[in-house]
C-alpha atoms as a PDB file:
ATOM      1  CA  MET A   1    -131.164 -29.579-183.504  1.00  0.00           C
ATOM      2  CA  ALA A   2    -128.197 -29.166-185.831  1.00  0.00           C
ATOM      3  CA  GLU A   3    -127.889 -25.486-184.901  1.00  0.00           C
ATOM      4  CA  ALA A   4    -127.789 -26.318-181.185  1.00  0.00           C
ATOM      5  CA  GLN A   5    -124.944 -28.750-181.788  1.00  0.00           C
ATOM      6  CA  LYS A   6    -123.102 -26.123-183.847  1.00  0.00           C
ATOM      7  CA  ARG A   7    -123.308 -23.611-181.005  1.00  0.00           C
ATOM      8  CA  LEU A   8    -122.021 -26.106-178.438  1.00  0.00           C
ATOM      9  CA  SER A   9    -119.150 -27.419-180.525  1.00  0.00           C
ATOM     10  CA  PRO A  10    -115.952 -28.096-178.543  1.00  0.00           C
ATOM     11  CA  SER A  11    -114.000 -25.572-180.594  1.00  0.00           C
ATOM     12  CA  THR A  12    -116.189 -22.655-179.494  1.00  0.00           C
ATOM     13  CA  LEU A  13    -116.512 -23.621-175.836  1.00  0.00           C
ATOM     14  CA  LYS A  14    -113.476 -23.524-173.599  1.00  0.00           C
ATOM     15  CA  ARG A  15    -112.785 -26.939-172.191  1.00  0.00           C
ATOM     16  CA  ARG A  16    -112.721 -27.048-168.418  1.00  0.00           C
ATOM     17  CA  GLN A  17    -109.285 -28.078-167.249  1.00  0.00           C
ATOM     18  CA  ARG A  18    -109.484 -31.270-165.274  1.00  0.00           C
ATOM     19  CA  PHE A  19    -107.136 -32.242-162.459  1.00  0.00           C
ATOM     20  CA  HIS A  20    -104.428 -34.547-163.793  1.00  0.00           C
ATOM     21  CA  PRO A  21    -102.830 -36.402-160.852  1.00  0.00           C
ATOM     22  CA  LYS A  22     -99.458 -37.052-162.488  1.00  0.00           C
ATOM     23  CA  ARG A  23     -99.065 -33.655-164.131  1.00  0.00           C
ATOM     24  CA  ASP A  24    -100.674 -31.166-161.750  1.00  0.00           C
ATOM     25  CA  VAL A  25    -100.132 -30.185-158.144  1.00  0.00           C
ATOM     26  CA  ARG A  26    -102.808 -31.561-155.859  1.00  0.00           C
ATOM     27  CA  PRO A  27    -105.437 -28.998-154.801  1.00  0.00           C
ATOM     28  CA  ALA A  28    -104.810 -29.793-151.121  1.00  0.00           C
ATOM     29  CA  VAL A  29    -101.119 -28.941-151.561  1.00  0.00           C
ATOM     30  CA  LEU A  30    -102.051 -25.630-153.198  1.00  0.00           C
ATOM     31  CA  ALA A  31    -104.454 -24.790-150.369  1.00  0.00           C
ATOM     32  CA  LYS A  32    -101.776 -25.570-147.785  1.00  0.00           C
ATOM     33  CA  ALA A  33     -99.242 -23.405-149.653  1.00  0.00           C
ATOM     34  CA  ASN A  34    -101.759 -20.545-149.850  1.00  0.00           C
ATOM     35  CA  ARG A  35    -102.355 -20.727-146.097  1.00  0.00           C
ATOM     36  CA  LEU A  36     -98.603 -20.691-145.490  1.00  0.00           C
ATOM     37  CA  VAL A  37     -98.163 -17.620-147.694  1.00  0.00           C
ATOM     38  CA  ILE A  38    -100.952 -15.815-145.826  1.00  0.00           C
ATOM     39  CA  TRP A  39     -99.408 -16.693-142.447  1.00  0.00           C
ATOM     40  CA  VAL A  40     -95.964 -15.483-143.550  1.00  0.00           C
ATOM     41  CA  ALA A  41     -97.398 -12.238-144.952  1.00  0.00           C
ATOM     42  CA  ALA A  42     -99.329 -11.626-141.716  1.00  0.00           C
ATOM     43  CA  PHE A  43     -96.211 -12.300-139.634  1.00  0.00           C
ATOM     44  CA  ILE A  44     -94.111  -9.896-141.711  1.00  0.00           C
ATOM     45  CA  GLY A  45     -96.832  -7.236-141.483  1.00  0.00           C
ATOM     46  CA  LEU A  46     -97.078  -7.584-137.709  1.00  0.00           C
ATOM     47  CA  ALA A  47     -93.298  -7.451-137.327  1.00  0.00           C
ATOM     48  CA  PHE A  48     -93.202  -4.291-139.444  1.00  0.00           C
ATOM     49  CA  LEU A  49     -95.912  -2.655-137.326  1.00  0.00           C
ATOM     50  CA  THR A  50     -94.127  -3.680-134.141  1.00  0.00           C
ATOM     51  CA  VAL A  51     -90.892  -2.041-135.305  1.00  0.00           C
ATOM     52  CA  ILE A  52     -92.710   1.153-136.274  1.00  0.00           C
ATOM     53  CA  ILE A  53     -94.601   1.348-132.961  1.00  0.00           C
ATOM     54  CA  THR A  54     -91.409   0.653-130.974  1.00  0.00           C
ATOM     55  CA  GLN A  55     -89.533   3.405-132.831  1.00  0.00           C
ATOM     56  CA  ALA A  56     -92.397   5.845-132.250  1.00  0.00           C
ATOM     57  CA  MET A  57     -92.422   5.109-128.526  1.00  0.00           C
ATOM     58  CA  LEU A  58     -88.640   5.391-128.156  1.00  0.00           C
ATOM     59  CA  GLY A  59     -88.012   8.322-130.416  1.00  0.00           C
END
């Protein structure tokens, strides 16, 4: 029993970081920001493709 407690001591195991409401950003806010970043990246990619296709058709 003593060996099992030695193996599971807090110093050897990494402590799982818990959500701290006053210190951390809320997970919902992070998810919303991630969605916004994906939308912006998709929009920029589509605009880039549109410019390339337009130039290929005109030139």
